[in-house]
């Protein structure tokens, strides 16, 4: 048994482990493993913190997006209301303009009718005066007839113009 290769490999391994233990290799290995474990734990904590921060940022983004969508809807609704109000206001102004123009046209027509009636009366009065004058000249002669004609013509003219 002492001459087999496996025995000497096992003995060399035990001696190596004893020397390594005496030199402090095991404490260095455990310190290295502990420091690595601490570093991994720290990295895991950092990753967890970053994940929570990312979740908070995502929630904030979703909240802001929702608020922005609501604000956009409110702006669109306000713009629609404003457009409807402006259209109604424009329609009302157009109706008022048409009503004013119609009223002005009716007033001009009434004025034209009044002027036309006055002209017709004046023309009728002039015609009546001329016809009366012609008839009276033919039938009445003399100075008395002339003064009668003048007074009656003045009366007829003033009555027809009134």
N, C-alpha and C. Protein backbone atom coordinates (compact mmCIF):
# COMPACT_ATOMS: atom_id res chain seq x y z
N UNK A 1 0.80 -1.14 0.00
CA UNK A 1 0.00 0.00 0.00
C UNK A 1 0.87 1.25 0.00
N UNK A 2 2.03 1.22 0.57
CA UNK A 2 2.88 2.39 0.59
C UNK A 2 3.53 2.67 -0.76
N UNK A 3 3.51 1.74 -1.60
CA UNK A 3 4.19 1.94 -2.86
C UNK A 3 3.24 2.31 -4.00
N UNK A 4 2.04 2.44 -3.75
CA UNK A 4 1.10 2.76 -4.84
C UNK A 4 1.10 4.27 -5.09
N UNK A 5 0.82 4.60 -6.28
CA UNK A 5 0.83 6.01 -6.68
C UNK A 5 -0.30 6.78 -6.03
N UNK A 6 -1.39 6.14 -5.84
CA UNK A 6 -2.52 6.83 -5.23
C UNK A 6 -2.22 7.23 -3.80
N UNK A 7 -1.49 6.38 -3.07
CA UNK A 7 -1.12 6.68 -1.69
C UNK A 7 -0.26 7.93 -1.64
N UNK A 8 0.75 8.00 -2.49
CA UNK A 8 1.66 9.14 -2.50
C UNK A 8 0.95 10.41 -2.96
N UNK A 9 0.02 10.28 -3.84
CA UNK A 9 -0.75 11.46 -4.29
C UNK A 9 -1.60 11.95 -3.13
N UNK A 10 -2.20 11.03 -2.38
CA UNK A 10 -3.03 11.40 -1.24
C UNK A 10 -2.17 12.02 -0.14
N UNK A 11 -0.98 11.42 0.11
CA UNK A 11 -0.10 11.95 1.13
C UNK A 11 0.38 13.34 0.75
N UNK A 12 0.75 13.54 -0.51
CA UNK A 12 1.21 14.85 -0.98
C UNK A 12 0.08 15.88 -0.87
N UNK A 13 -1.09 15.42 -1.12
CA UNK A 13 -2.23 16.34 -1.03
C UNK A 13 -2.48 16.77 0.41
N UNK A 14 -2.38 15.84 1.36
CA UNK A 14 -2.57 16.15 2.77
C UNK A 14 -1.46 17.09 3.24
N UNK A 15 -0.23 16.83 2.83
CA UNK A 15 0.88 17.69 3.21
C UNK A 15 0.66 19.10 2.62
N UNK A 16 0.23 19.15 1.37
CA UNK A 16 -0.04 20.44 0.72
C UNK A 16 -1.11 21.20 1.48
N UNK A 17 -2.17 20.51 1.88
CA UNK A 17 -3.25 21.16 2.62
C UNK A 17 -2.76 21.65 3.97
N UNK A 18 -1.87 20.88 4.64
CA UNK A 18 -1.34 21.29 5.94
C UNK A 18 -0.46 22.52 5.78
N UNK A 19 0.40 22.53 4.76
CA UNK A 19 1.24 23.70 4.52
C UNK A 19 0.40 24.92 4.14
N UNK A 20 -0.64 24.70 3.33
CA UNK A 20 -1.52 25.80 2.92
C UNK A 20 -2.25 26.35 4.14
N UNK A 21 -2.66 25.47 5.05
CA UNK A 21 -3.36 25.91 6.25
C UNK A 21 -2.41 26.69 7.14
N UNK A 22 -1.18 26.23 7.26
CA UNK A 22 -0.20 26.90 8.09
C UNK A 22 0.14 28.26 7.51
N UNK A 23 0.18 28.38 6.20
CA UNK A 23 0.52 29.64 5.54
C UNK A 23 -0.67 30.61 5.52
N UNK A 24 -1.84 30.17 5.89
CA UNK A 24 -3.02 31.04 5.93
C UNK A 24 -3.77 31.09 4.62
N UNK A 25 -3.60 30.13 3.78
CA UNK A 25 -4.28 30.12 2.47
C UNK A 25 -5.78 29.97 2.65
N UNK A 26 -6.18 29.19 3.64
CA UNK A 26 -7.62 28.99 3.83
C UNK A 26 -8.30 30.29 4.28
N UNK A 27 -7.63 31.03 5.16
CA UNK A 27 -8.23 32.30 5.59
C UNK A 27 -8.27 33.28 4.43
N UNK A 28 -7.25 33.23 3.57
CA UNK A 28 -7.26 34.12 2.40
C UNK A 28 -8.38 33.71 1.44
N UNK A 29 -8.56 32.41 1.27
CA UNK A 29 -9.63 31.92 0.39
C UNK A 29 -10.99 32.33 0.94
N UNK A 30 -11.17 32.13 2.27
CA UNK A 30 -12.46 32.51 2.88
C UNK A 30 -12.68 34.02 2.82
N UNK A 31 -11.58 34.79 3.05
CA UNK A 31 -11.72 36.26 2.94
C UNK A 31 -12.08 36.66 1.51
N UNK A 32 -11.44 36.02 0.53
CA UNK A 32 -11.75 36.30 -0.87
C UNK A 32 -13.18 35.95 -1.21
N UNK A 33 -13.61 34.77 -0.70
CA UNK A 33 -15.00 34.36 -0.96
C UNK A 33 -15.98 35.30 -0.24
N UNK A 34 -15.63 35.68 1.00
CA UNK A 34 -16.50 36.60 1.74
C UNK A 34 -16.58 37.96 1.05
N UNK A 35 -15.43 38.44 0.59
CA UNK A 35 -15.46 39.74 -0.09
C UNK A 35 -16.24 39.64 -1.40
N UNK A 36 -16.07 38.53 -2.09
CA UNK A 36 -16.84 38.34 -3.32
C UNK A 36 -18.34 38.27 -3.01
N UNK A 37 -18.69 37.56 -1.92
CA UNK A 37 -20.10 37.47 -1.52
C UNK A 37 -20.65 38.85 -1.18
N UNK A 38 -19.81 39.66 -0.46
CA UNK A 38 -20.24 41.02 -0.13
C UNK A 38 -20.45 41.85 -1.39
N UNK A 39 -19.51 41.70 -2.33
CA UNK A 39 -19.61 42.45 -3.58
C UNK A 39 -20.87 42.04 -4.37
N UNK A 40 -21.13 40.73 -4.41
CA UNK A 40 -22.32 40.23 -5.10
C UNK A 40 -23.58 40.73 -4.40
N UNK A 41 -23.58 40.68 -3.03
CA UNK A 41 -24.74 41.17 -2.27
C UNK A 41 -24.95 42.66 -2.54
N UNK A 42 -23.84 43.41 -2.56
CA UNK A 42 -23.92 44.85 -2.85
C UNK A 42 -24.48 45.09 -4.26
N UNK A 43 -23.99 44.30 -5.21
CA UNK A 43 -24.49 44.46 -6.58
C UNK A 43 -25.97 44.10 -6.67
N UNK A 44 -26.38 43.05 -5.93
CA UNK A 44 -27.80 42.68 -5.91
C UNK A 44 -28.65 43.79 -5.29
N UNK A 45 -28.15 44.37 -4.19
CA UNK A 45 -28.87 45.48 -3.56
C UNK A 45 -28.97 46.67 -4.51
N UNK A 46 -27.86 46.96 -5.19
CA UNK A 46 -27.85 48.07 -6.15
C UNK A 46 -28.83 47.78 -7.29
N UNK A 47 -28.85 46.55 -7.78
CA UNK A 47 -29.78 46.18 -8.85
C UNK A 47 -31.22 46.31 -8.37
N UNK A 48 -31.47 45.90 -7.12
CA UNK A 48 -32.83 46.02 -6.56
C UNK A 48 -33.23 47.49 -6.46
N UNK A 49 -32.29 48.33 -5.99
CA UNK A 49 -32.57 49.76 -5.87
C UNK A 49 -32.84 50.36 -7.25
N UNK A 50 -32.01 49.99 -8.22
CA UNK A 50 -32.21 50.51 -9.58
C UNK A 50 -33.55 50.04 -10.17
N UNK A 51 -33.90 48.79 -9.86
CA UNK A 51 -35.19 48.27 -10.34
C UNK A 51 -36.34 49.06 -9.73
N UNK A 52 -36.28 49.32 -8.43
CA UNK A 52 -37.33 50.10 -7.77
C UNK A 52 -37.38 51.52 -8.33
N UNK A 53 -36.20 52.09 -8.56
CA UNK A 53 -36.14 53.44 -9.13
C UNK A 53 -36.75 53.45 -10.54
N UNK A 54 -36.43 52.44 -11.34
CA UNK A 54 -36.98 52.34 -12.68
C UNK A 54 -38.50 52.17 -12.63
N UNK A 55 -38.99 51.38 -11.67
CA UNK A 55 -40.43 51.19 -11.51
C UNK A 55 -41.09 52.52 -11.13
N UNK A 56 -40.44 53.29 -10.25
CA UNK A 56 -40.98 54.59 -9.86
C UNK A 56 -41.00 55.55 -11.04
N UNK A 57 -39.92 55.54 -11.83
CA UNK A 57 -39.86 56.41 -13.02
C UNK A 57 -40.94 56.01 -14.02
N UNK A 58 -41.13 54.69 -14.19
CA UNK A 58 -42.16 54.21 -15.11
C UNK A 58 -43.56 54.62 -14.63
N UNK A 59 -43.81 54.48 -13.34
CA UNK A 59 -45.11 54.89 -12.79
C UNK A 59 -45.31 56.40 -12.98
N UNK A 60 -44.24 57.18 -12.74
CA UNK A 60 -44.33 58.63 -12.93
C UNK A 60 -44.60 58.95 -14.40
N UNK A 61 -43.93 58.25 -15.29
CA UNK A 61 -44.14 58.47 -16.72
C UNK A 61 -45.58 58.15 -17.10
N UNK A 62 -46.10 57.02 -16.60
CA UNK A 62 -47.49 56.65 -16.90
C UNK A 62 -48.46 57.69 -16.36
N UNK A 63 -48.19 58.18 -15.15
CA UNK A 63 -49.06 59.20 -14.55
C UNK A 63 -49.02 60.48 -15.38
N UNK A 64 -47.82 60.89 -15.77
CA UNK A 64 -47.68 62.11 -16.57
C UNK A 64 -48.35 61.95 -17.93
N UNK A 65 -48.19 60.77 -18.52
CA UNK A 65 -48.82 60.52 -19.81
C UNK A 65 -50.35 60.61 -19.69
N UNK A 66 -50.89 60.02 -18.64
CA UNK A 66 -52.32 60.08 -18.40
C UNK A 66 -52.77 61.53 -18.22
N UNK A 67 -52.00 62.28 -17.43
CA UNK A 67 -52.34 63.70 -17.23
C UNK A 67 -52.25 64.47 -18.54
N UNK A 68 -51.22 64.18 -19.34
CA UNK A 68 -51.06 64.87 -20.62
C UNK A 68 -52.22 64.52 -21.56
N UNK A 69 -52.64 63.26 -21.56
CA UNK A 69 -53.78 62.87 -22.40
C UNK A 69 -55.05 63.58 -21.95
N UNK A 70 -55.26 63.66 -20.63
CA UNK A 70 -56.44 64.36 -20.12
C UNK A 70 -56.37 65.84 -20.49
N UNK A 71 -55.18 66.42 -20.35
CA UNK A 71 -55.02 67.84 -20.70
C UNK A 71 -55.25 68.05 -22.19
N UNK A 72 -54.75 67.13 -23.01
CA UNK A 72 -54.97 67.24 -24.46
C UNK A 72 -56.44 67.14 -24.79
N UNK A 73 -57.14 66.22 -24.14
CA UNK A 73 -58.59 66.10 -24.35
C UNK A 73 -59.30 67.37 -23.92
N UNK A 74 -58.87 67.95 -22.81
CA UNK A 74 -59.49 69.19 -22.34
C UNK A 74 -59.22 70.32 -23.33
N UNK A 75 -58.00 70.37 -23.87
CA UNK A 75 -57.67 71.41 -24.85
C UNK A 75 -58.51 71.24 -26.11
N UNK A 76 -58.66 70.00 -26.57
CA UNK A 76 -59.47 69.73 -27.77
C UNK A 76 -60.93 70.11 -27.51
N UNK A 77 -61.44 69.72 -26.34
CA UNK A 77 -62.82 70.06 -26.00
C UNK A 77 -63.00 71.57 -25.93
N UNK A 78 -62.04 72.24 -25.32
CA UNK A 78 -62.10 73.70 -25.23
C UNK A 78 -62.04 74.33 -26.61
N UNK A 79 -61.17 73.81 -27.47
CA UNK A 79 -61.07 74.34 -28.84
C UNK A 79 -62.38 74.13 -29.59
N UNK A 80 -63.00 72.97 -29.41
CA UNK A 80 -64.29 72.71 -30.07
C UNK A 80 -65.34 73.68 -29.57
N UNK A 81 -65.41 73.87 -28.26
CA UNK A 81 -66.38 74.81 -27.69
C UNK A 81 -66.14 76.22 -28.23
N UNK A 82 -64.87 76.61 -28.29
CA UNK A 82 -64.51 77.94 -28.79
C UNK A 82 -64.92 78.08 -30.25
N UNK A 83 -64.66 77.02 -31.04
CA UNK A 83 -65.03 77.06 -32.46
C UNK A 83 -66.54 77.15 -32.62
N UNK A 84 -67.27 76.38 -31.81
CA UNK A 84 -68.73 76.44 -31.88
C UNK A 84 -69.23 77.82 -31.46
N UNK A 85 -68.62 78.38 -30.41
CA UNK A 85 -69.03 79.70 -29.95
C UNK A 85 -68.75 80.75 -31.02
N UNK A 86 -67.55 80.65 -31.64
CA UNK A 86 -67.21 81.61 -32.70
C UNK A 86 -68.13 81.45 -33.90
N UNK A 87 -68.47 80.20 -34.25
CA UNK A 87 -69.39 79.98 -35.36
C UNK A 87 -70.76 80.56 -35.04
N UNK A 88 -71.22 80.33 -33.83
CA UNK A 88 -72.52 80.88 -33.42
C UNK A 88 -72.49 82.40 -33.42
N UNK A 89 -71.38 82.95 -32.91
CA UNK A 89 -71.23 84.41 -32.90
C UNK A 89 -71.21 84.97 -34.32
N UNK A 90 -70.49 84.30 -35.21
CA UNK A 90 -70.45 84.74 -36.61
C UNK A 90 -71.82 84.63 -37.26
N UNK A 91 -72.53 83.55 -36.96
CA UNK A 91 -73.88 83.38 -37.49
C UNK A 91 -74.80 84.49 -36.97
N UNK A 92 -74.66 84.80 -35.68
CA UNK A 92 -75.48 85.87 -35.10
C UNK A 92 -75.15 87.22 -35.73
N UNK A 93 -73.85 87.48 -35.93
CA UNK A 93 -73.45 88.75 -36.57
C UNK A 93 -74.00 88.83 -37.99
N UNK A 94 -73.95 87.70 -38.70
CA UNK A 94 -74.48 87.68 -40.07
C UNK A 94 -75.98 87.94 -40.06
N UNK A 95 -76.69 87.32 -39.13
CA UNK A 95 -78.14 87.56 -39.03
C UNK A 95 -78.42 89.02 -38.69
N UNK A 96 -77.64 89.59 -37.76
CA UNK A 96 -77.83 91.00 -37.40
C UNK A 96 -77.54 91.90 -38.60
N UNK A 97 -76.48 91.58 -39.36
CA UNK A 97 -76.13 92.36 -40.54
C UNK A 97 -77.26 92.30 -41.57
N UNK A 98 -77.78 91.09 -41.80
CA UNK A 98 -78.87 90.94 -42.78
C UNK A 98 -80.10 91.70 -42.30
N UNK A 99 -80.40 91.63 -41.01
CA UNK A 99 -81.56 92.35 -40.47
C UNK A 99 -81.39 93.86 -40.64
N UNK A 100 -80.17 94.37 -40.35
CA UNK A 100 -79.92 95.81 -40.51
C UNK A 100 -80.04 96.22 -41.97
N UNK A 101 -79.47 95.40 -42.86
CA UNK A 101 -79.53 95.73 -44.30
C UNK A 101 -80.97 95.68 -44.79
N UNK A 102 -81.74 94.71 -44.32
CA UNK A 102 -83.15 94.62 -44.71
C UNK A 102 -83.92 95.83 -44.22
N UNK A 103 -83.67 96.22 -42.97
CA UNK A 103 -84.35 97.38 -42.39
C UNK A 103 -83.98 98.64 -43.18
N UNK A 104 -82.69 98.79 -43.51
CA UNK A 104 -82.24 99.96 -44.27
C UNK A 104 -82.89 99.96 -45.66
N UNK A 105 -82.96 98.79 -46.28
CA UNK A 105 -83.58 98.70 -47.61
C UNK A 105 -85.07 99.05 -47.53
N UNK A 106 -85.73 98.55 -46.49
CA UNK A 106 -87.16 98.87 -46.31
C UNK A 106 -87.35 100.37 -46.09
N UNK A 107 -86.44 100.97 -45.32
CA UNK A 107 -86.54 102.42 -45.08
C UNK A 107 -86.33 103.18 -46.38
N UNK A 108 -85.38 102.77 -47.20
CA UNK A 108 -85.14 103.43 -48.49
C UNK A 108 -86.35 103.26 -49.41
N UNK A 109 -86.94 102.07 -49.38
CA UNK A 109 -88.13 101.84 -50.21
C UNK A 109 -89.27 102.73 -49.75
N UNK A 110 -89.46 102.81 -48.42
CA UNK A 110 -90.54 103.67 -47.89
C UNK A 110 -90.28 105.12 -48.27
N UNK A 111 -89.03 105.56 -48.17
CA UNK A 111 -88.68 106.94 -48.53
C UNK A 111 -88.91 107.17 -50.02
N UNK A 112 -88.54 106.20 -50.84
CA UNK A 112 -88.75 106.34 -52.28
C UNK A 112 -90.24 106.38 -52.60
N UNK A 113 -91.03 105.56 -51.89
CA UNK A 113 -92.49 105.59 -52.10
C UNK A 113 -93.06 106.95 -51.72
N UNK A 114 -92.59 107.51 -50.60
CA UNK A 114 -93.06 108.82 -50.16
C UNK A 114 -92.69 109.89 -51.18
N UNK A 115 -91.44 109.83 -51.66
CA UNK A 115 -91.01 110.81 -52.67
C UNK A 115 -91.80 110.66 -53.96
N UNK A 116 -92.04 109.40 -54.35
CA UNK A 116 -92.81 109.18 -55.58
C UNK A 116 -94.23 109.70 -55.44
N UNK A 117 -94.84 109.44 -54.27
CA UNK A 117 -96.21 109.94 -54.04
C UNK A 117 -96.22 111.46 -54.06
N UNK A 118 -95.19 112.09 -53.46
CA UNK A 118 -95.13 113.55 -53.46
C UNK A 118 -94.97 114.08 -54.88
N UNK A 119 -94.16 113.41 -55.68
CA UNK A 119 -93.97 113.84 -57.07
C UNK A 119 -95.26 113.69 -57.87
N UNK A 120 -95.95 112.56 -57.62
CA UNK A 120 -97.22 112.34 -58.34
C UNK A 120 -98.22 113.42 -57.96
N UNK A 121 -98.30 113.74 -56.65
CA UNK A 121 -99.22 114.80 -56.21
C UNK A 121 -98.85 116.13 -56.84
N UNK A 122 -97.54 116.43 -56.85
CA UNK A 122 -97.09 117.69 -57.42
C UNK A 122 -97.41 117.75 -58.91
N UNK A 123 -97.16 116.62 -59.61
CA UNK A 123 -97.47 116.58 -61.04
C UNK A 123 -98.96 116.72 -61.27
N UNK A 124 -99.78 116.05 -60.41
CA UNK A 124 -101.23 116.15 -60.54
C UNK A 124 -101.69 117.57 -60.26
N UNK A 125 -101.08 118.20 -59.27
CA UNK A 125 -101.45 119.57 -58.94
C UNK A 125 -101.10 120.50 -60.10
N UNK A 126 -99.92 120.33 -60.65
CA UNK A 126 -99.52 121.18 -61.79
C UNK A 126 -100.46 120.97 -62.98
N UNK A 127 -100.80 119.68 -63.21
CA UNK A 127 -101.70 119.40 -64.34
C UNK A 127 -103.07 120.00 -64.09
N UNK A 128 -103.56 119.86 -62.83
CA UNK A 128 -104.88 120.42 -62.51
C UNK A 128 -104.88 121.93 -62.64
N UNK A 129 -103.78 122.55 -62.20
CA UNK A 129 -103.70 124.01 -62.29
C UNK A 129 -103.69 124.42 -63.76
N UNK A 130 -102.92 123.73 -64.57
CA UNK A 130 -102.85 124.11 -65.99
C UNK A 130 -104.20 123.90 -66.69
N UNK A 131 -104.85 122.77 -66.37
CA UNK A 131 -106.16 122.51 -66.99
C UNK A 131 -107.17 123.55 -66.52
N UNK A 132 -107.16 123.84 -65.22
CA UNK A 132 -108.09 124.83 -64.68
C UNK A 132 -107.85 126.19 -65.32
N UNK A 133 -106.59 126.53 -65.41
CA UNK A 133 -106.23 127.82 -65.99
C UNK A 133 -106.71 127.91 -67.43
N UNK A 134 -106.50 126.83 -68.16
CA UNK A 134 -106.92 126.83 -69.57
C UNK A 134 -108.44 126.94 -69.69
N UNK A 135 -109.14 126.20 -68.88
CA UNK A 135 -110.61 126.22 -68.93
C UNK A 135 -111.13 127.59 -68.53
N UNK A 136 -110.62 128.13 -67.45
CA UNK A 136 -111.09 129.42 -66.97
C UNK A 136 -110.75 130.54 -67.96
N UNK A 137 -109.66 130.49 -68.63
CA UNK A 137 -109.30 131.50 -69.61
C UNK A 137 -110.28 131.49 -70.78
N UNK A 138 -110.64 130.31 -71.16
CA UNK A 138 -111.55 130.22 -72.30
C UNK A 138 -112.95 130.69 -71.91
N UNK A 139 -113.37 130.44 -70.71
CA UNK A 139 -114.73 130.77 -70.32
C UNK A 139 -114.84 132.17 -69.71
N UNK A 140 -113.87 132.55 -68.95
CA UNK A 140 -113.96 133.86 -68.30
C UNK A 140 -113.02 134.82 -68.98
N UNK A 141 -113.50 136.00 -69.08
CA UNK A 141 -112.72 137.04 -69.74
C UNK A 141 -112.67 138.25 -68.82
N UNK A 142 -111.66 139.00 -68.94
CA UNK A 142 -111.57 140.26 -68.21
C UNK A 142 -110.69 140.16 -66.98
N UNK A 143 -110.64 141.34 -66.30
CA UNK A 143 -109.76 141.47 -65.16
C UNK A 143 -110.31 140.72 -63.94
N UNK A 144 -111.53 140.66 -63.73
CA UNK A 144 -112.13 139.94 -62.61
C UNK A 144 -111.83 138.46 -62.76
N UNK A 145 -111.88 137.99 -63.96
CA UNK A 145 -111.59 136.58 -64.21
C UNK A 145 -110.12 136.28 -63.91
N UNK A 146 -109.27 137.22 -64.26
CA UNK A 146 -107.83 137.01 -64.02
C UNK A 146 -107.54 136.93 -62.53
N UNK A 147 -108.08 137.79 -61.72
CA UNK A 147 -107.82 137.75 -60.28
C UNK A 147 -108.44 136.51 -59.65
N UNK A 148 -109.62 136.11 -60.11
CA UNK A 148 -110.26 134.89 -59.61
C UNK A 148 -109.40 133.66 -59.95
N UNK A 149 -108.88 133.63 -61.13
CA UNK A 149 -108.04 132.51 -61.57
C UNK A 149 -106.79 132.44 -60.70
N UNK A 150 -106.17 133.58 -60.46
CA UNK A 150 -104.94 133.58 -59.68
C UNK A 150 -105.19 133.11 -58.25
N UNK A 151 -106.21 133.56 -57.62
CA UNK A 151 -106.49 133.16 -56.24
C UNK A 151 -106.88 131.69 -56.15
N UNK A 152 -107.70 131.24 -57.07
CA UNK A 152 -108.13 129.83 -57.02
C UNK A 152 -106.97 128.90 -57.37
N UNK A 153 -106.12 129.31 -58.28
CA UNK A 153 -104.96 128.48 -58.61
C UNK A 153 -104.01 128.39 -57.41
N UNK A 154 -103.80 129.47 -56.71
CA UNK A 154 -102.95 129.45 -55.52
C UNK A 154 -103.53 128.52 -54.46
N UNK A 155 -104.88 128.56 -54.30
CA UNK A 155 -105.51 127.68 -53.31
C UNK A 155 -105.36 126.22 -53.70
N UNK A 156 -105.60 125.91 -54.96
CA UNK A 156 -105.51 124.53 -55.42
C UNK A 156 -104.06 124.01 -55.27
N UNK A 157 -103.13 124.85 -55.64
CA UNK A 157 -101.72 124.44 -55.55
C UNK A 157 -101.32 124.18 -54.09
N UNK A 158 -101.71 125.05 -53.16
CA UNK A 158 -101.35 124.88 -51.75
C UNK A 158 -102.04 123.65 -51.16
N UNK A 159 -103.28 123.37 -51.55
CA UNK A 159 -103.99 122.21 -51.03
C UNK A 159 -103.40 120.90 -51.57
N UNK A 160 -103.03 120.88 -52.81
CA UNK A 160 -102.47 119.66 -53.39
C UNK A 160 -101.06 119.37 -52.87
N UNK A 161 -100.30 120.39 -52.53
CA UNK A 161 -98.94 120.18 -52.02
C UNK A 161 -98.93 119.81 -50.54
N UNK A 162 -99.97 120.07 -49.82
CA UNK A 162 -100.03 119.78 -48.40
C UNK A 162 -100.23 118.32 -48.07
